[in-house]
Structures are given as structure tokens and as C-alpha cells.
Amino acid sequence: MPPLDTITAILRAALGLGAQPLARDTPLLGSLPELDSMAVIGVIAALEDHFGFTIEDDDIHARHFATVGSLQAFVDAKLAQADLR
């Protein structure tokens, strides 16, 4: 699983959150005003760039952006999927 601090660093940079504390159970979508539909696209692009995988439109679900931990699990699944190819 990718380190939590990597996921939080990507979120902070993509959303301009600065040093706002982010933990595994921090709610994202619907709780962070910075995470609107355009920002989701930015976060996805940042994840793709950092980890070197592609996220298809069909892969994107609100449940992946529920919490920092759910986003981390989504990234982990994408990395595992990429390793299988």
C-alpha cells in the first residue's frame, strides 16, 4: 500500500491545503470545499503522474474519494492491477 504521507502530500499539493492535517479517516468528498469536480480531475492527474498508472473514467467512483484511507486503498488497487499487466 502506498504510504499515507504520499497520498496526503498529493492531496495537499493538488488542493492547495497547505499543512492542513489529513489522517486516514479524514473525510474528503463533500467535506473539503476545495475538492470540487474540477479538483477531483486534478487529484486524479496528480496520482497518475506520481504513480505511473492510468485511471479510466469507469474506474472513478465517489466511494474512492470518501476518505483519505479510501483513496489510499484505491491507489493500492490500481498499483496492484498495474503489476499484474
Protein backbone atom coordinates (compact mmCIF):
# COMPACT_ATOMS: atom_id res chain seq x y z
CA MET A 1 0.00 0.00 0.00
CA PRO A 2 1.37 3.43 -0.82
CA PRO A 3 2.43 5.39 2.26
CA LEU A 4 -0.28 7.58 3.71
CA ASP A 5 2.06 10.57 3.73
CA THR A 6 2.47 10.22 -0.06
CA ILE A 7 -1.30 10.34 -0.59
CA THR A 8 -1.71 13.28 1.79
CA ALA A 9 1.16 15.16 0.11
CA ILE A 10 -0.50 14.72 -3.28
CA LEU A 11 -3.83 15.90 -1.87
CA ARG A 12 -2.25 18.93 -0.18
CA ALA A 13 -0.45 19.94 -3.37
CA ALA A 14 -3.38 19.34 -5.73
CA LEU A 15 -5.91 21.06 -3.48
CA GLY A 16 -3.69 23.78 -2.03
CA LEU A 17 -4.35 22.62 1.52
CA GLY A 18 -1.01 23.65 2.98
CA ALA A 19 -0.35 21.99 6.31
CA GLN A 20 -3.98 21.06 6.99
CA PRO A 21 -3.91 17.80 8.96
CA LEU A 22 -5.08 14.79 6.99
CA ALA A 23 -5.48 11.36 8.55
CA ARG A 24 -6.67 8.04 7.14
CA ASP A 25 -10.23 8.76 8.36
CA THR A 26 -10.35 12.39 7.17
CA PRO A 27 -13.49 12.83 5.03
CA LEU A 28 -12.85 14.19 1.55
CA LEU A 29 -15.66 14.46 -0.99
CA GLY A 30 -18.44 16.63 0.42
CA SER A 31 -16.33 17.68 3.40
CA LEU A 32 -13.44 19.60 1.84
CA PRO A 33 -14.72 22.62 -0.09
CA GLU A 34 -11.50 22.54 -2.12
CA LEU A 35 -12.42 19.11 -3.52
CA ASP A 36 -14.92 20.04 -6.20
CA SER A 37 -15.39 18.25 -9.53
CA MET A 38 -12.51 20.11 -11.19
CA ALA A 39 -10.23 19.40 -8.23
CA VAL A 40 -11.03 15.68 -8.46
CA ILE A 41 -9.65 15.77 -12.00
CA GLY A 42 -6.51 17.47 -10.71
CA VAL A 43 -6.07 14.88 -7.96
CA ILE A 44 -6.53 12.05 -10.47
CA ALA A 45 -3.94 13.61 -12.80
CA ALA A 46 -1.50 14.03 -9.90
CA LEU A 47 -1.98 10.40 -8.83
CA GLU A 48 -1.43 9.20 -12.40
CA ASP A 49 1.72 11.30 -12.75
CA HIS A 50 3.16 10.25 -9.39
CA PHE A 51 2.41 6.54 -9.56
CA GLY A 52 2.63 6.00 -13.33
CA PHE A 53 -0.74 4.36 -13.90
CA THR A 54 -3.82 5.40 -15.84
CA ILE A 55 -7.21 5.88 -14.25
CA GLU A 56 -10.05 5.27 -16.68
CA ASP A 57 -13.31 7.21 -16.37
CA ASP A 58 -15.12 3.98 -15.44
CA ASP A 59 -12.70 3.50 -12.53
CA ILE A 60 -13.73 6.72 -10.80
CA HIS A 61 -16.38 6.44 -8.09
CA ALA A 62 -17.31 8.76 -5.25
CA ARG A 63 -16.56 5.97 -2.76
CA HIS A 64 -12.87 6.23 -3.65
CA PHE A 65 -12.90 9.86 -2.52
CA ALA A 66 -14.88 9.28 0.69
CA THR A 67 -11.81 9.46 2.97
CA VAL A 68 -8.05 9.69 2.68
CA GLY A 69 -7.95 5.97 3.52
CA SER A 70 -10.40 5.01 0.76
CA LEU A 71 -8.31 6.99 -1.73
CA GLN A 72 -5.19 5.22 -0.48
CA ALA A 73 -6.92 1.83 -0.95
CA PHE A 74 -7.98 2.84 -4.48
CA VAL A 75 -4.39 3.76 -5.35
CA ASP A 76 -3.19 0.48 -3.88
CA ALA A 77 -5.67 -1.44 -6.05
CA LYS A 78 -4.54 0.45 -9.16
CA LEU A 79 -0.90 -0.29 -8.36
CA ALA A 80 -1.68 -3.99 -7.87
CA GLN A 81 -3.60 -4.03 -11.14
CA ALA A 82 -0.68 -2.40 -12.94
CA ASP A 83 1.70 -5.04 -11.53
CA LEU A 84 -0.46 -7.81 -12.99
CA ARG A 85 -0.16 -6.48 -16.54
